[in-house]
N, C-alpha and C. Protein backbone atom coordinates (compact mmCIF):
# COMPACT_ATOMS: atom_id res chain seq x y z
N MET A 1 0.83 -1.17 0.00
CA MET A 1 0.00 0.00 0.00
C MET A 1 0.87 1.24 0.00
N LYS A 2 0.57 2.08 -0.94
CA LYS A 2 1.33 3.30 -1.06
C LYS A 2 0.54 4.46 -0.46
N SER A 3 1.19 5.26 0.31
CA SER A 3 0.53 6.38 0.97
C SER A 3 0.52 7.59 0.06
N ASN A 4 -0.56 8.37 0.08
CA ASN A 4 -0.67 9.59 -0.72
C ASN A 4 -0.26 10.83 0.07
N ARG A 5 0.27 10.62 1.24
CA ARG A 5 0.68 11.76 2.05
C ARG A 5 1.99 12.35 1.53
N LYS A 6 2.12 13.68 1.68
CA LYS A 6 3.38 14.35 1.29
C LYS A 6 4.39 14.19 2.42
N LYS A 7 5.62 14.36 2.06
CA LYS A 7 6.66 14.28 3.08
C LYS A 7 6.54 15.48 4.02
N PRO A 8 6.66 15.25 5.29
CA PRO A 8 6.50 16.36 6.23
C PRO A 8 7.63 17.39 6.12
N GLY A 9 8.77 16.98 5.63
CA GLY A 9 9.91 17.89 5.53
C GLY A 9 9.68 19.02 4.54
N ARG A 10 9.04 18.75 3.43
CA ARG A 10 8.82 19.77 2.41
C ARG A 10 7.87 20.86 2.90
N ALA A 11 6.80 20.46 3.53
CA ALA A 11 5.84 21.43 4.04
C ALA A 11 6.50 22.30 5.11
N PHE A 12 7.30 21.68 5.93
CA PHE A 12 7.99 22.43 6.98
C PHE A 12 8.95 23.44 6.37
N LYS A 13 9.73 23.02 5.38
CA LYS A 13 10.70 23.92 4.75
C LYS A 13 10.00 25.07 4.07
N LYS A 14 8.88 24.80 3.37
CA LYS A 14 8.17 25.85 2.67
C LYS A 14 7.59 26.85 3.67
N GLY A 15 6.99 26.36 4.74
CA GLY A 15 6.45 27.25 5.77
C GLY A 15 7.53 28.05 6.46
N PHE A 16 8.66 27.42 6.69
CA PHE A 16 9.78 28.08 7.34
C PHE A 16 10.32 29.21 6.47
N MET A 17 10.45 28.95 5.17
CA MET A 17 10.94 29.98 4.25
C MET A 17 9.95 31.15 4.18
N ASN A 18 8.66 30.85 4.19
CA ASN A 18 7.66 31.91 4.16
C ASN A 18 7.76 32.78 5.41
N LYS A 19 8.03 32.16 6.55
CA LYS A 19 8.18 32.92 7.78
C LYS A 19 9.40 33.83 7.73
N ILE A 20 10.49 33.31 7.17
CA ILE A 20 11.71 34.12 7.05
C ILE A 20 11.46 35.31 6.12
N ILE A 21 10.82 35.06 5.00
CA ILE A 21 10.54 36.14 4.04
C ILE A 21 9.62 37.17 4.68
N GLN A 22 8.60 36.73 5.39
CA GLN A 22 7.68 37.65 6.07
C GLN A 22 8.42 38.48 7.11
N PHE A 23 9.32 37.84 7.86
CA PHE A 23 10.10 38.56 8.86
C PHE A 23 10.95 39.64 8.21
N LEU A 24 11.61 39.30 7.11
CA LEU A 24 12.46 40.29 6.45
C LEU A 24 11.65 41.46 5.90
N LYS A 25 10.47 41.18 5.37
CA LYS A 25 9.61 42.26 4.87
C LYS A 25 9.18 43.18 6.01
N GLU A 26 8.79 42.59 7.14
CA GLU A 26 8.38 43.39 8.29
C GLU A 26 9.55 44.19 8.86
N ALA A 27 10.73 43.59 8.89
CA ALA A 27 11.91 44.30 9.40
C ALA A 27 12.23 45.50 8.52
N LYS A 28 12.11 45.33 7.21
CA LYS A 28 12.37 46.43 6.28
C LYS A 28 11.35 47.55 6.51
N MET A 29 10.09 47.20 6.70
CA MET A 29 9.07 48.21 6.95
C MET A 29 9.34 48.97 8.24
N GLU A 30 9.78 48.27 9.28
CA GLU A 30 10.09 48.94 10.54
C GLU A 30 11.29 49.86 10.41
N LEU A 31 12.29 49.45 9.65
CA LEU A 31 13.47 50.30 9.45
C LEU A 31 13.13 51.56 8.68
N MET A 32 12.12 51.49 7.84
CA MET A 32 11.70 52.68 7.10
C MET A 32 11.00 53.68 8.01
N LYS A 33 10.48 53.23 9.15
CA LYS A 33 9.79 54.10 10.11
C LYS A 33 10.76 54.81 11.05
N VAL A 34 12.00 54.35 11.11
CA VAL A 34 12.97 54.89 12.06
C VAL A 34 13.32 56.33 11.67
N ASN A 35 13.42 57.18 12.67
CA ASN A 35 13.82 58.57 12.47
C ASN A 35 15.34 58.63 12.60
N TRP A 36 16.05 58.46 11.49
CA TRP A 36 17.51 58.41 11.49
C TRP A 36 18.08 59.81 11.71
N PRO A 37 19.21 59.92 12.41
CA PRO A 37 19.82 61.25 12.60
C PRO A 37 20.41 61.76 11.28
N THR A 38 20.49 63.09 11.20
CA THR A 38 21.08 63.69 10.01
C THR A 38 22.59 63.50 10.05
N LYS A 39 23.23 63.81 8.93
CA LYS A 39 24.69 63.67 8.86
C LYS A 39 25.35 64.60 9.88
N GLN A 40 24.83 65.83 10.02
CA GLN A 40 25.41 66.79 10.95
C GLN A 40 25.24 66.33 12.39
N GLN A 41 24.09 65.77 12.72
CA GLN A 41 23.88 65.25 14.08
C GLN A 41 24.84 64.11 14.38
N THR A 42 25.05 63.24 13.41
CA THR A 42 25.97 62.12 13.60
C THR A 42 27.39 62.61 13.83
N ILE A 43 27.80 63.61 13.06
CA ILE A 43 29.14 64.19 13.23
C ILE A 43 29.27 64.83 14.61
N ASN A 44 28.24 65.59 15.01
CA ASN A 44 28.29 66.26 16.32
C ASN A 44 28.36 65.25 17.46
N TYR A 45 27.55 64.21 17.41
CA TYR A 45 27.56 63.20 18.47
C TYR A 45 28.89 62.44 18.51
N THR A 46 29.45 62.17 17.33
CA THR A 46 30.73 61.48 17.26
C THR A 46 31.83 62.34 17.89
N LEU A 47 31.84 63.62 17.56
CA LEU A 47 32.85 64.52 18.13
C LEU A 47 32.67 64.66 19.64
N LEU A 48 31.42 64.67 20.09
CA LEU A 48 31.14 64.74 21.52
C LEU A 48 31.70 63.51 22.24
N VAL A 49 31.47 62.35 21.70
CA VAL A 49 31.97 61.11 22.32
C VAL A 49 33.50 61.10 22.33
N ILE A 50 34.12 61.50 21.23
CA ILE A 50 35.59 61.54 21.17
C ILE A 50 36.13 62.54 22.20
N GLY A 51 35.50 63.71 22.28
CA GLY A 51 35.94 64.74 23.23
C GLY A 51 35.84 64.27 24.67
N ILE A 52 34.71 63.68 25.02
CA ILE A 52 34.54 63.19 26.39
C ILE A 52 35.53 62.06 26.69
N SER A 53 35.77 61.20 25.72
CA SER A 53 36.74 60.11 25.92
C SER A 53 38.13 60.65 26.17
N ILE A 54 38.52 61.66 25.41
CA ILE A 54 39.85 62.27 25.60
C ILE A 54 39.93 62.94 26.96
N ALA A 55 38.87 63.67 27.36
CA ALA A 55 38.87 64.35 28.66
C ALA A 55 38.99 63.34 29.80
N ILE A 56 38.27 62.24 29.73
CA ILE A 56 38.35 61.22 30.78
C ILE A 56 39.73 60.57 30.78
N ALA A 57 40.30 60.34 29.60
CA ALA A 57 41.64 59.76 29.53
C ALA A 57 42.67 60.69 30.17
N ILE A 58 42.55 61.97 29.91
CA ILE A 58 43.48 62.94 30.51
C ILE A 58 43.31 62.97 32.03
N PHE A 59 42.05 62.98 32.49
CA PHE A 59 41.77 63.00 33.93
C PHE A 59 42.35 61.77 34.62
N LEU A 60 42.07 60.59 34.07
CA LEU A 60 42.57 59.36 34.68
C LEU A 60 44.09 59.27 34.59
N GLY A 61 44.66 59.73 33.50
CA GLY A 61 46.11 59.74 33.37
C GLY A 61 46.76 60.66 34.38
N SER A 62 46.14 61.82 34.61
CA SER A 62 46.70 62.75 35.60
C SER A 62 46.59 62.18 37.02
N LEU A 63 45.48 61.49 37.32
CA LEU A 63 45.37 60.83 38.62
C LEU A 63 46.45 59.76 38.78
N ASP A 64 46.67 58.99 37.75
CA ASP A 64 47.69 57.95 37.78
C ASP A 64 49.07 58.56 38.02
N TYR A 65 49.36 59.63 37.31
CA TYR A 65 50.65 60.30 37.47
C TYR A 65 50.79 60.85 38.89
N PHE A 66 49.71 61.47 39.40
CA PHE A 66 49.74 62.06 40.74
C PHE A 66 49.99 60.99 41.81
N PHE A 67 49.27 59.87 41.74
CA PHE A 67 49.45 58.82 42.74
C PHE A 67 50.81 58.14 42.60
N GLU A 68 51.32 58.02 41.40
CA GLU A 68 52.67 57.48 41.20
C GLU A 68 53.69 58.41 41.85
N PHE A 69 53.48 59.71 41.67
CA PHE A 69 54.37 60.71 42.26
C PHE A 69 54.34 60.60 43.79
N LEU A 70 53.14 60.46 44.37
CA LEU A 70 53.03 60.32 45.82
C LEU A 70 53.71 59.05 46.32
N LEU A 71 53.55 57.97 45.60
CA LEU A 71 54.19 56.72 45.99
C LEU A 71 55.72 56.86 45.99
N LYS A 72 56.25 57.51 44.97
CA LYS A 72 57.70 57.67 44.88
C LYS A 72 58.22 58.53 46.02
N ILE A 73 57.50 59.55 46.38
CA ILE A 73 57.96 60.48 47.43
C ILE A 73 57.86 59.85 48.81
N PHE A 74 56.70 59.30 49.14
CA PHE A 74 56.46 58.87 50.53
C PHE A 74 56.74 57.41 50.81
N ILE A 75 56.63 56.54 49.84
CA ILE A 75 56.76 55.11 50.13
C ILE A 75 58.05 54.52 49.56
N LEU A 76 58.39 54.88 48.36
CA LEU A 76 59.53 54.25 47.69
C LEU A 76 60.79 55.12 47.77
N LYS A 77 61.05 55.74 48.87
CA LYS A 77 62.18 56.65 49.04
C LYS A 77 63.47 56.07 48.61
């Protein structure tokens, strides 16, 4: 007796591919709704992050130098 049923793997693969395609379509639609920053805003925010990073690096470096100086004077005579 031969069965007329389809293989379960094919139906699963077809449904799975449809879900992936639907997900990608929905993701594209959501990305089109995003309010992206302008080029000038991106440049300003980038410069702000770089500036703050440099300021913190200078602050921490000066603290390191200061404590090293104190160690040399008072402890490592």
